[in-house]
C-alpha atoms as a PDB file:
ATOM      1  CA  MET A   1      55.006 106.741  63.779  1.00  0.00           C
ATOM      2  CA  SER A   2      54.678 106.923  67.396  1.00  0.00           C
ATOM      3  CA  PHE A   3      55.181 109.725  69.658  1.00  0.00           C
ATOM      4  CA  ILE A   4      57.285 108.389  72.604  1.00  0.00           C
ATOM      5  CA  ILE A   5      58.188 110.033  76.039  1.00  0.00           C
ATOM      6  CA  SER A   6      60.757 108.597  78.030  1.00  0.00           C
ATOM      7  CA  THR A   7      63.223 109.384  81.172  1.00  0.00           C
ATOM      8  CA  ALA A   8      66.676 109.851  80.993  1.00  0.00           C
ATOM      9  CA  MET A   9      67.152 106.097  81.589  1.00  0.00           C
ATOM     10  CA  ALA A  10      65.110 105.310  78.510  1.00  0.00           C
ATOM     11  CA  ARG A  11      62.209 104.185  80.477  1.00  0.00           C
ATOM     12  CA  LYS A  12      58.907 104.798  78.334  1.00  0.00           C
ATOM     13  CA  PHE A  13      55.930 106.430  80.166  1.00  0.00           C
ATOM     14  CA  TRP A  14      54.192 107.708  77.213  1.00  0.00           C
ATOM     15  CA  ARG A  15      53.250 106.434  73.863  1.00  0.00           C
ATOM     16  CA  GLU A  16      50.927 107.796  71.438  1.00  0.00           C
ATOM     17  CA  SER A  17      50.307 106.876  67.926  1.00  0.00           C
ATOM     18  CA  ARG A  18      50.229 109.850  65.402  1.00  0.00           C
ATOM     19  CA  GLY A  19      49.615 109.992  61.690  1.00  0.00           C
ATOM     20  CA  ILE A  20      48.703 106.941  59.479  1.00  0.00           C
ATOM     21  CA  ASP A  21      49.366 104.678  62.639  1.00  0.00           C
ATOM     22  CA  ALA A  22      46.750 106.497  64.370  1.00  0.00           C
ATOM     23  CA  GLY A  23      44.267 105.911  61.647  1.00  0.00           C
ATOM     24  CA  HIS A  24      44.835 109.451  59.572  1.00  0.00           C
ATOM     25  CA  ASP A  25      44.978 109.360  55.926  1.00  0.00           C
ATOM     26  CA  VAL A  26      48.209 111.281  55.961  1.00  0.00           C
ATOM     27  CA  PRO A  27      51.435 110.852  58.034  1.00  0.00           C
ATOM     28  CA  GLN A  28      52.697 113.156  60.541  1.00  0.00           C
ATOM     29  CA  PHE A  29      55.929 114.907  59.939  1.00  0.00           C
ATOM     30  CA  SER A  30      57.889 116.609  62.721  1.00  0.00           C
ATOM     31  CA  ILE A  31      60.635 119.413  62.529  1.00  0.00           C
ATOM     32  CA  HIS A  32      62.169 121.574  65.284  1.00  0.00           C
ATOM     33  CA  ARG A  33      60.719 125.071  65.204  1.00  0.00           C
ATOM     34  CA  GLY A  34      64.264 126.562  64.711  1.00  0.00           C
ATOM     35  CA  ARG A  35      64.772 124.504  61.537  1.00  0.00           C
ATOM     36  CA  LEU A  36      61.614 125.316  60.359  1.00  0.00           C
ATOM     37  CA  GLN A  37      62.295 129.195  60.571  1.00  0.00           C
ATOM     38  CA  SER A  38      65.348 128.599  59.102  1.00  0.00           C
ATOM     39  CA  VAL A  39      63.851 126.686  56.005  1.00  0.00           C
ATOM     40  CA  ILE A  40      61.246 129.438  56.048  1.00  0.00           C
ATOM     41  CA  HIS A  41      63.862 132.256  55.920  1.00  0.00           C
ATOM     42  CA  ARG A  42      65.974 130.991  53.169  1.00  0.00           C
ATOM     43  CA  ALA A  43      62.696 130.485  51.018  1.00  0.00           C
ATOM     44  CA  VAL A  44      61.590 134.280  51.602  1.00  0.00           C
ATOM     45  CA  GLU A  45      64.897 135.270  50.921  1.00  0.00           C
ATOM     46  CA  GLU A  46      65.192 133.346  47.574  1.00  0.00           C
ATOM     47  CA  ARG A  47      61.682 134.328  46.503  1.00  0.00           C
ATOM     48  CA  LEU A  48      61.454 137.998  47.742  1.00  0.00           C
ATOM     49  CA  GLY A  49      64.973 138.768  48.284  1.00  0.00           C
ATOM     50  CA  PRO A  50      66.991 139.877  51.518  1.00  0.00           C
ATOM     51  CA  ASP A  51      65.302 143.205  51.748  1.00  0.00           C
ATOM     52  CA  ALA A  52      61.702 141.501  52.691  1.00  0.00           C
ATOM     53  CA  ILE A  53      62.828 140.251  55.635  1.00  0.00           C
ATOM     54  CA  HIS A  54      62.728 142.502  58.937  1.00  0.00           C
ATOM     55  CA  ALA A  55      64.829 140.838  61.560  1.00  0.00           C
ATOM     56  CA  GLY A  56      64.317 141.874  65.114  1.00  0.00           C
ATOM     57  CA  CYS A  57      60.694 143.380  64.496  1.00  0.00           C
ATOM     58  CA  MET A  58      57.546 142.256  65.265  1.00  0.00           C
ATOM     59  CA  LEU A  59      54.225 143.558  63.581  1.00  0.00           C
ATOM     60  CA  GLY A  60      52.514 146.119  65.374  1.00  0.00           C
ATOM     61  CA  ALA A  61      49.501 146.810  63.149  1.00  0.00           C
ATOM     62  CA  PHE A  62      48.492 146.950  59.521  1.00  0.00           C
ATOM     63  CA  THR A  63      45.534 148.647  57.713  1.00  0.00           C
ATOM     64  CA  GLN A  64      44.090 147.939  54.086  1.00  0.00           C
ATOM     65  CA  GLU A  65      44.703 150.813  51.557  1.00  0.00           C
ATOM     66  CA  ARG A  66      43.762 150.294  47.982  1.00  0.00           C
ATOM     67  CA  GLY A  67      43.749 146.703  48.069  1.00  0.00           C
ATOM     68  CA  ARG A  68      47.335 146.779  49.638  1.00  0.00           C
ATOM     69  CA  ARG A  69      48.463 146.233  53.307  1.00  0.00           C
ATOM     70  CA  VAL A  70      50.109 148.993  54.947  1.00  0.00           C
ATOM     71  CA  SER A  71      52.011 147.166  57.977  1.00  0.00           C
ATOM     72  CA  VAL A  72      53.821 149.073  61.119  1.00  0.00           C
ATOM     73  CA  PHE A  73      56.578 147.093  62.266  1.00  0.00           C
ATOM     74  CA  LEU A  74      57.842 147.644  65.757  1.00  0.00           C
ATOM     75  CA  ARG A  75      61.507 147.294  67.177  1.00  0.00           C
ATOM     76  CA  SER A  76      61.743 147.341  70.859  1.00  0.00           C
ATOM     77  CA  PHE A  77      58.071 148.784  71.348  1.00  0.00           C
ATOM     78  CA  ARG A  78      58.939 151.642  68.821  1.00  0.00           C
ATOM     79  CA  ARG A  79      58.106 152.244  65.627  1.00  0.00           C
ATOM     80  CA  ALA A  80      60.699 150.877  63.118  1.00  0.00           C
ATOM     81  CA  HIS A  81      59.078 151.503  59.892  1.00  0.00           C
ATOM     82  CA  GLN A  82      56.275 151.238  57.533  1.00  0.00           C
ATOM     83  CA  ASP A  83      56.116 148.781  54.687  1.00  0.00           C
ATOM     84  CA  ARG A  84      53.530 148.271  52.154  1.00  0.00           C
ATOM     85  CA  ALA A  85      52.827 144.850  50.791  1.00  0.00           C
ATOM     86  CA  ALA A  86      50.616 142.641  48.742  1.00  0.00           C
ATOM     87  CA  ALA A  87      50.670 140.227  51.393  1.00  0.00           C
ATOM     88  CA  ILE A  88      52.042 139.519  54.876  1.00  0.00           C
ATOM     89  CA  PHE A  89      52.987 136.068  56.128  1.00  0.00           C
END
């Protein structure tokens, strides 16, 4: 597999081998970040349920408490809620 950059007129001006073609033991796979986020979103929903997803929030802080993480999620720089979890991904 090669990574190729070309002009709008299909004139190639950069080509770089990737994965096995570049001498690595494994191939390179490419996926658009939006598609990857969608795949991860569906997997989390299937495994943990829809309540495990906090859309529109960002992780503001977390602490360790008796072997579990306590997370503080923020929405628009205001505290949205706290959640306790065994893991944060």
